[in-house]
PDB file of N, CA and C in Angstrom:
ATOM      1  N   MET A   1       6.440 -11.053   9.683  1.00  0.00           N
ATOM      2  CA  MET A   1       5.256 -10.225   9.574  1.00  0.00           C
ATOM      3  C   MET A   1       4.107 -11.062   9.012  1.00  0.00           C
ATOM      4  N   LYS A   2       2.952 -10.871   9.557  1.00  0.00           N
ATOM      5  CA  LYS A   2       1.768 -11.583   9.114  1.00  0.00           C
ATOM      6  C   LYS A   2       1.191 -10.908   7.874  1.00  0.00           C
ATOM      7  N   LYS A   3       0.855 -11.706   6.865  1.00  0.00           N
ATOM      8  CA  LYS A   3       0.262 -11.153   5.647  1.00  0.00           C
ATOM      9  C   LYS A   3      -1.186 -10.770   5.922  1.00  0.00           C
ATOM     10  N   ASN A   4      -1.533  -9.533   5.572  1.00  0.00           N
ATOM     11  CA  ASN A   4      -2.906  -9.084   5.745  1.00  0.00           C
ATOM     12  C   ASN A   4      -3.389  -8.243   4.561  1.00  0.00           C
ATOM     13  N   VAL A   5      -2.646  -8.292   3.444  1.00  0.00           N
ATOM     14  CA  VAL A   5      -3.006  -7.553   2.238  1.00  0.00           C
ATOM     15  C   VAL A   5      -3.225  -8.569   1.119  1.00  0.00           C
ATOM     16  N   GLY A   6      -4.461  -8.629   0.607  1.00  0.00           N
ATOM     17  CA  GLY A   6      -4.803  -9.572  -0.446  1.00  0.00           C
ATOM     18  C   GLY A   6      -4.350  -9.112  -1.827  1.00  0.00           C
ATOM     19  N   SER A   7      -4.579  -9.970  -2.823  1.00  0.00           N
ATOM     20  CA  SER A   7      -4.115  -9.721  -4.190  1.00  0.00           C
ATOM     21  C   SER A   7      -4.702  -8.452  -4.797  1.00  0.00           C
ATOM     22  N   ILE A   8      -6.005  -8.274  -4.683  1.00  0.00           N
ATOM     23  CA  ILE A   8      -6.635  -7.088  -5.271  1.00  0.00           C
ATOM     24  C   ILE A   8      -6.137  -5.824  -4.579  1.00  0.00           C
ATOM     25  N   ASP A   9      -6.022  -5.889  -3.275  1.00  0.00           N
ATOM     26  CA  ASP A   9      -5.507  -4.755  -2.498  1.00  0.00           C
ATOM     27  C   ASP A   9      -4.077  -4.428  -2.927  1.00  0.00           C
ATOM     28  N   ARG A  10      -3.252  -5.451  -3.140  1.00  0.00           N
ATOM     29  CA  ARG A  10      -1.868  -5.235  -3.575  1.00  0.00           C
ATOM     30  C   ARG A  10      -1.824  -4.546  -4.934  1.00  0.00           C
ATOM     31  N   ILE A  11      -2.671  -4.996  -5.859  1.00  0.00           N
ATOM     32  CA  ILE A  11      -2.700  -4.408  -7.199  1.00  0.00           C
ATOM     33  C   ILE A  11      -3.112  -2.941  -7.124  1.00  0.00           C
ATOM     34  N   ILE A  12      -4.140  -2.654  -6.336  1.00  0.00           N
ATOM     35  CA  ILE A  12      -4.606  -1.264  -6.186  1.00  0.00           C
ATOM     36  C   ILE A  12      -3.491  -0.389  -5.623  1.00  0.00           C
ATOM     37  N   ARG A  13      -2.783  -0.899  -4.612  1.00  0.00           N
ATOM     38  CA  ARG A  13      -1.688  -0.133  -4.014  1.00  0.00           C
ATOM     39  C   ARG A  13      -0.559   0.110  -5.017  1.00  0.00           C
ATOM     40  N   LEU A  14      -0.213  -0.920  -5.805  1.00  0.00           N
ATOM     41  CA  LEU A  14       0.859  -0.759  -6.791  1.00  0.00           C
ATOM     42  C   LEU A  14       0.459   0.222  -7.894  1.00  0.00           C
ATOM     43  N   VAL A  15      -0.791   0.150  -8.341  1.00  0.00           N
ATOM     44  CA  VAL A  15      -1.267   1.086  -9.372  1.00  0.00           C
ATOM     45  C   VAL A  15      -1.262   2.513  -8.825  1.00  0.00           C
ATOM     46  N   ALA A  16      -1.741   2.686  -7.603  1.00  0.00           N
ATOM     47  CA  ALA A  16      -1.753   4.022  -6.994  1.00  0.00           C
ATOM     48  C   ALA A  16      -0.332   4.563  -6.859  1.00  0.00           C
ATOM     49  N   ALA A  17       0.597   3.716  -6.423  1.00  0.00           N
ATOM     50  CA  ALA A  17       1.998   4.144  -6.291  1.00  0.00           C
ATOM     51  C   ALA A  17       2.571   4.521  -7.657  1.00  0.00           C
ATOM     52  N   ALA A  18       2.245   3.740  -8.690  1.00  0.00           N
ATOM     53  CA  ALA A  18       2.747   4.027 -10.041  1.00  0.00           C
ATOM     54  C   ALA A  18       2.185   5.344 -10.564  1.00  0.00           C
ATOM     55  N   ILE A  19       0.915   5.604 -10.301  1.00  0.00           N
ATOM     56  CA  ILE A  19       0.308   6.871 -10.731  1.00  0.00           C
ATOM     57  C   ILE A  19       0.984   8.050 -10.033  1.00  0.00           C
ATOM     58  N   ILE A  20       1.232   7.907  -8.749  1.00  0.00           N
ATOM     59  CA  ILE A  20       1.892   8.983  -7.998  1.00  0.00           C
ATOM     60  C   ILE A  20       3.299   9.215  -8.536  1.00  0.00           C
ATOM     61  N   VAL A  21       4.031   8.127  -8.781  1.00  0.00           N
ATOM     62  CA  VAL A  21       5.389   8.254  -9.323  1.00  0.00           C
ATOM     63  C   VAL A  21       5.331   8.929 -10.692  1.00  0.00           C
ATOM     64  N   GLY A  22       4.322   8.577 -11.493  1.00  0.00           N
ATOM     65  CA  GLY A  22       4.151   9.219 -12.801  1.00  0.00           C
ATOM     66  C   GLY A  22       3.918  10.718 -12.682  1.00  0.00           C
ATOM     67  N   LEU A  23       3.083  11.094 -11.733  1.00  0.00           N
ATOM     68  CA  LEU A  23       2.829  12.523 -11.508  1.00  0.00           C
ATOM     69  C   LEU A  23       4.103  13.256 -11.093  1.00  0.00           C
ATOM     70  N   LEU A  24       4.879  12.613 -10.243  1.00  0.00           N
ATOM     71  CA  LEU A  24       6.117  13.241  -9.784  1.00  0.00           C
ATOM     72  C   LEU A  24       7.168  13.264 -10.894  1.00  0.00           C
ATOM     73  N   ALA A  25       7.231  12.195 -11.686  1.00  0.00           N
ATOM     74  CA  ALA A  25       8.233  12.112 -12.756  1.00  0.00           C
ATOM     75  C   ALA A  25       7.963  13.115 -13.875  1.00  0.00           C
ATOM     76  N   THR A  26       6.683  13.354 -14.162  1.00  0.00           N
ATOM     77  CA  THR A  26       6.349  14.312 -15.219  1.00  0.00           C
ATOM     78  C   THR A  26       6.310  15.748 -14.697  1.00  0.00           C
ATOM     79  N   LYS A  27       6.593  15.895 -13.417  1.00  0.00           N
ATOM     80  CA  LYS A  27       6.610  17.194 -12.750  1.00  0.00           C
ATOM     81  C   LYS A  27       5.245  17.874 -12.753  1.00  0.00           C
ATOM     82  N   SER A  28       4.184  17.071 -12.832  1.00  0.00           N
ATOM     83  CA  SER A  28       2.833  17.613 -12.673  1.00  0.00           C
ATOM     84  C   SER A  28       2.665  18.121 -11.251  1.00  0.00           C
ATOM     85  N   VAL A  29       3.363  17.437 -10.338  1.00  0.00           N
ATOM     86  CA  VAL A  29       3.423  17.863  -8.943  1.00  0.00           C
ATOM     87  C   VAL A  29       4.906  18.005  -8.613  1.00  0.00           C
ATOM     88  N   PRO A  30       5.361  19.207  -8.301  1.00  0.00           N
ATOM     89  CA  PRO A  30       6.778  19.392  -7.974  1.00  0.00           C
ATOM     90  C   PRO A  30       7.167  18.596  -6.726  1.00  0.00           C
ATOM     91  N   ILE A  31       8.217  17.814  -6.829  1.00  0.00           N
ATOM     92  CA  ILE A  31       8.634  16.965  -5.710  1.00  0.00           C
ATOM     93  C   ILE A  31       9.127  17.789  -4.525  1.00  0.00           C
ATOM     94  N   SER A  32       9.546  19.013  -4.766  1.00  0.00           N
ATOM     95  CA  SER A  32      10.046  19.847  -3.674  1.00  0.00           C
ATOM     96  C   SER A  32       8.920  20.551  -2.908  1.00  0.00           C
ATOM     97  N   SER A  33       7.683  20.424  -3.396  1.00  0.00           N
ATOM     98  CA  SER A  33       6.555  21.038  -2.688  1.00  0.00           C
ATOM     99  C   SER A  33       6.105  20.130  -1.544  1.00  0.00           C
ATOM    100  N   ILE A  34       5.308  20.672  -0.663  1.00  0.00           N
ATOM    101  CA  ILE A  34       4.764  19.880   0.448  1.00  0.00           C
ATOM    102  C   ILE A  34       3.949  18.709  -0.103  1.00  0.00           C
ATOM    103  N   LEU A  35       3.101  18.989  -1.099  1.00  0.00           N
ATOM    104  CA  LEU A  35       2.292  17.934  -1.704  1.00  0.00           C
ATOM    105  C   LEU A  35       3.182  16.861  -2.332  1.00  0.00           C
ATOM    106  N   GLY A  36       4.255  17.289  -2.980  1.00  0.00           N
ATOM    107  CA  GLY A  36       5.183  16.341  -3.589  1.00  0.00           C
ATOM    108  C   GLY A  36       5.835  15.438  -2.556  1.00  0.00           C
ATOM    109  N   ILE A  37       6.214  16.012  -1.437  1.00  0.00           N
ATOM    110  CA  ILE A  37       6.844  15.229  -0.366  1.00  0.00           C
ATOM    111  C   ILE A  37       5.844  14.229   0.221  1.00  0.00           C
ATOM    112  N   VAL A  38       4.622  14.696   0.461  1.00  0.00           N
ATOM    113  CA  VAL A  38       3.581  13.811   1.011  1.00  0.00           C
ATOM    114  C   VAL A  38       3.280  12.682   0.027  1.00  0.00           C
ATOM    115  N   LEU A  39       3.144  13.011  -1.253  1.00  0.00           N
ATOM    116  CA  LEU A  39       2.866  11.987  -2.259  1.00  0.00           C
ATOM    117  C   LEU A  39       4.010  10.984  -2.393  1.00  0.00           C
ATOM    118  N   THR A  40       5.234  11.446  -2.245  1.00  0.00           N
ATOM    119  CA  THR A  40       6.379  10.541  -2.282  1.00  0.00           C
ATOM    120  C   THR A  40       6.302   9.547  -1.132  1.00  0.00           C
ATOM    121  N   ILE A  41       5.992  10.030   0.048  1.00  0.00           N
ATOM    122  CA  ILE A  41       5.862   9.153   1.215  1.00  0.00           C
ATOM    123  C   ILE A  41       4.729   8.154   1.010  1.00  0.00           C
ATOM    124  N   VAL A  42       3.594   8.624   0.497  1.00  0.00           N
ATOM    125  CA  VAL A  42       2.454   7.739   0.242  1.00  0.00           C
ATOM    126  C   VAL A  42       2.825   6.668  -0.783  1.00  0.00           C
ATOM    127  N   ALA A  43       3.520   7.050  -1.841  1.00  0.00           N
ATOM    128  CA  ALA A  43       3.925   6.088  -2.872  1.00  0.00           C
ATOM    129  C   ALA A  43       4.866   5.028  -2.305  1.00  0.00           C
ATOM    130  N   VAL A  44       5.803   5.452  -1.465  1.00  0.00           N
ATOM    131  CA  VAL A  44       6.744   4.498  -0.858  1.00  0.00           C
ATOM    132  C   VAL A  44       6.005   3.536   0.075  1.00  0.00           C
ATOM    133  N   VAL A  45       5.090   4.064   0.867  1.00  0.00           N
ATOM    134  CA  VAL A  45       4.324   3.219   1.790  1.00  0.00           C
ATOM    135  C   VAL A  45       3.437   2.251   1.008  1.00  0.00           C
ATOM    136  N   PHE A  46       2.718   2.742   0.011  1.00  0.00           N
ATOM    137  CA  PHE A  46       1.858   1.863  -0.791  1.00  0.00           C
ATOM    138  C   PHE A  46       2.679   0.783  -1.492  1.00  0.00           C
ATOM    139  N   GLY A  47       3.786   1.179  -2.101  1.00  0.00           N
ATOM    140  CA  GLY A  47       4.632   0.207  -2.794  1.00  0.00           C
ATOM    141  C   GLY A  47       5.229  -0.817  -1.843  1.00  0.00           C
ATOM    142  N   GLY A  48       5.708  -0.347  -0.707  1.00  0.00           N
ATOM    143  CA  GLY A  48       6.313  -1.254   0.276  1.00  0.00           C
ATOM    144  C   GLY A  48       5.318  -2.234   0.859  1.00  0.00           C
ATOM    145  N   THR A  49       4.151  -1.745   1.235  1.00  0.00           N
ATOM    146  CA  THR A  49       3.153  -2.642   1.820  1.00  0.00           C
ATOM    147  C   THR A  49       2.623  -3.629   0.780  1.00  0.00           C
ATOM    148  N   ALA A  50       2.563  -3.207  -0.477  1.00  0.00           N
ATOM    149  CA  ALA A  50       2.131  -4.129  -1.538  1.00  0.00           C
ATOM    150  C   ALA A  50       3.174  -5.221  -1.759  1.00  0.00           C
ATOM    151  N   LEU A  51       4.439  -4.860  -1.717  1.00  0.00           N
ATOM    152  CA  LEU A  51       5.502  -5.846  -1.957  1.00  0.00           C
ATOM    153  C   LEU A  51       5.632  -6.867  -0.833  1.00  0.00           C
ATOM    154  N   VAL A  52       5.432  -6.456   0.395  1.00  0.00           N
ATOM    155  CA  VAL A  52       5.568  -7.392   1.519  1.00  0.00           C
ATOM    156  C   VAL A  52       4.231  -7.991   1.954  1.00  0.00           C
ATOM    157  N   SER A  53       3.138  -7.558   1.339  1.00  0.00           N
ATOM    158  CA  SER A  53       1.781  -8.061   1.644  1.00  0.00           C
ATOM    159  C   SER A  53       1.377  -7.882   3.098  1.00  0.00           C
ATOM    160  N   SER A  54       1.888  -6.854   3.708  1.00  0.00           N
ATOM    161  CA  SER A  54       1.552  -6.594   5.103  1.00  0.00           C
ATOM    162  C   SER A  54       1.423  -5.096   5.326  1.00  0.00           C
ATOM    163  N   CYS A  55       0.341  -4.702   6.001  1.00  0.00           N
ATOM    164  CA  CYS A  55       0.097  -3.295   6.277  1.00  0.00           C
ATOM    165  C   CYS A  55      -0.006  -3.097   7.789  1.00  0.00           C
ATOM    166  N   PRO A  56       0.902  -2.318   8.370  1.00  0.00           N
ATOM    167  CA  PRO A  56       0.855  -2.086   9.813  1.00  0.00           C
ATOM    168  C   PRO A  56      -0.455  -1.453  10.282  1.00  0.00           C
ATOM    169  N   LEU A  57      -1.030  -0.570   9.477  1.00  0.00           N
ATOM    170  CA  LEU A  57      -2.297   0.060   9.856  1.00  0.00           C
ATOM    171  C   LEU A  57      -3.412  -0.985   9.919  1.00  0.00           C
ATOM    172  N   TYR A  58      -3.434  -1.899   8.963  1.00  0.00           N
ATOM    173  CA  TYR A  58      -4.415  -2.987   8.992  1.00  0.00           C
ATOM    174  C   TYR A  58      -4.259  -3.809  10.274  1.00  0.00           C
ATOM    175  N   SER A  59      -3.022  -4.064  10.672  1.00  0.00           N
ATOM    176  CA  SER A  59      -2.773  -4.836  11.893  1.00  0.00           C
ATOM    177  C   SER A  59      -3.322  -4.117  13.123  1.00  0.00           C
ATOM    178  N   LEU A  60      -3.130  -2.798  13.171  1.00  0.00           N
ATOM    179  CA  LEU A  60      -3.603  -2.017  14.317  1.00  0.00           C
ATOM    180  C   LEU A  60      -5.116  -2.062  14.478  1.00  0.00           C
ATOM    181  N   VAL A  61      -5.836  -2.031  13.340  1.00  0.00           N
ATOM    182  CA  VAL A  61      -7.290  -2.011  13.410  1.00  0.00           C
ATOM    183  C   VAL A  61      -7.917  -3.391  13.227  1.00  0.00           C
ATOM    184  N   GLY A  62      -7.085  -4.415  13.055  1.00  0.00           N
ATOM    185  CA  GLY A  62      -7.580  -5.783  12.938  1.00  0.00           C
ATOM    186  C   GLY A  62      -8.205  -6.116  11.591  1.00  0.00           C
ATOM    187  N   LEU A  63      -7.776  -5.429  10.547  1.00  0.00           N
ATOM    188  CA  LEU A  63      -8.287  -5.661   9.203  1.00  0.00           C
ATOM    189  C   LEU A  63      -7.399  -6.631   8.441  1.00  0.00           C
ATOM    190  N   SER A  64      -7.986  -7.367   7.502  1.00  0.00           N
ATOM    191  CA  SER A  64      -7.214  -8.216   6.609  1.00  0.00           C
ATOM    192  C   SER A  64      -7.986  -8.398   5.318  1.00  0.00           C
ATOM    193  N   THR A  65      -7.309  -8.212   4.179  1.00  0.00           N
ATOM    194  CA  THR A  65      -7.925  -8.455   2.886  1.00  0.00           C
ATOM    195  C   THR A  65      -7.323  -9.694   2.243  1.00  0.00           C
ATOM    196  N   CYS A  66      -6.543 -10.428   3.008  1.00  0.00           N
ATOM    197  CA  CYS A  66      -5.884 -11.632   2.517  1.00  0.00           C
ATOM    198  C   CYS A  66      -6.780 -12.842   2.833  1.00  0.00           C
ATOM    199  N   PRO A  67      -7.364 -13.467   1.800  1.00  0.00           N
ATOM    200  CA  PRO A  67      -8.314 -14.551   2.050  1.00  0.00           C
ATOM    201  C   PRO A  67      -7.683 -15.782   2.705  1.00  0.00           C
ATOM    202  N   ILE A  68      -6.433 -16.060   2.469  1.00  0.00           N
ATOM    203  CA  ILE A  68      -5.782 -17.235   3.063  1.00  0.00           C
ATOM    204  C   ILE A  68      -5.689 -17.072   4.571  1.00  0.00           C
ATOM    205  N   ASP A  69      -5.251 -15.911   5.040  1.00  0.00           N
ATOM    206  CA  ASP A  69      -5.158 -15.666   6.477  1.00  0.00           C
ATOM    207  C   ASP A  69      -6.528 -15.653   7.125  1.00  0.00           C
ATOM    208  N   ASN A  70      -7.538 -15.129   6.401  1.00  0.00           N
ATOM    209  CA  ASN A  70      -8.878 -15.094   6.968  1.00  0.00           C
ATOM    210  C   ASN A  70      -9.416 -16.509   7.185  1.00  0.00           C
ATOM    211  N   LYS A  71      -9.149 -17.432   6.252  1.00  0.00           N
ATOM    212  CA  LYS A  71      -9.596 -18.810   6.406  1.00  0.00           C
ATOM    213  C   LYS A  71      -8.882 -19.489   7.565  1.00  0.00           C
ATOM    214  N   MET A  72      -7.591 -19.194   7.708  1.00  0.00           N
ATOM    215  CA  MET A  72      -6.812 -19.802   8.776  1.00  0.00           C
ATOM    216  C   MET A  72      -7.295 -19.310  10.139  1.00  0.00           C
ATOM    217  N   GLN A  73      -7.636 -18.040  10.241  1.00  0.00           N
ATOM    218  CA  GLN A  73      -8.084 -17.477  11.514  1.00  0.00           C
ATOM    219  C   GLN A  73      -9.440 -18.025  11.907  1.00  0.00           C
ATOM    220  N   SER A  74     -10.352 -18.195  10.934  1.00  0.00           N
ATOM    221  CA  SER A  74     -11.690 -18.670  11.283  1.00  0.00           C
ATOM    222  C   SER A  74     -11.696 -20.165  11.561  1.00  0.00           C
ATOM    223  N   GLY A  75     -10.680 -20.897  11.065  1.00  0.00           N
ATOM    224  CA  GLY A  75     -10.626 -22.342  11.280  1.00  0.00           C
ATOM    225  C   GLY A  75      -9.972 -22.728  12.581  1.00  0.00           C
ATOM    226  N   SER A  76      -9.318 -21.822  13.250  1.00  0.00           N
ATOM    227  CA  SER A  76      -8.636 -22.175  14.495  1.00  0.00           C
ATOM    228  C   SER A  76      -9.400 -21.762  15.708  1.00  0.00           C
TER     229      SER A  76
END
């Protein structure tokens, strides 16, 4: 997989996932509710894409926040 998620983007995704997990863990949002299920999916996607530094949605729309890949693409 091609890396297209930069450092700042990864941090934002991990923080957002942690906040969502916190909301679910403290039962501020019941995990059995529709919102809880959606937030769980969002947290898993954000955490996963942050860990692998690749976002399929970014690939579909041709976006990249990874400065190393951007330099490589413009140099070739």
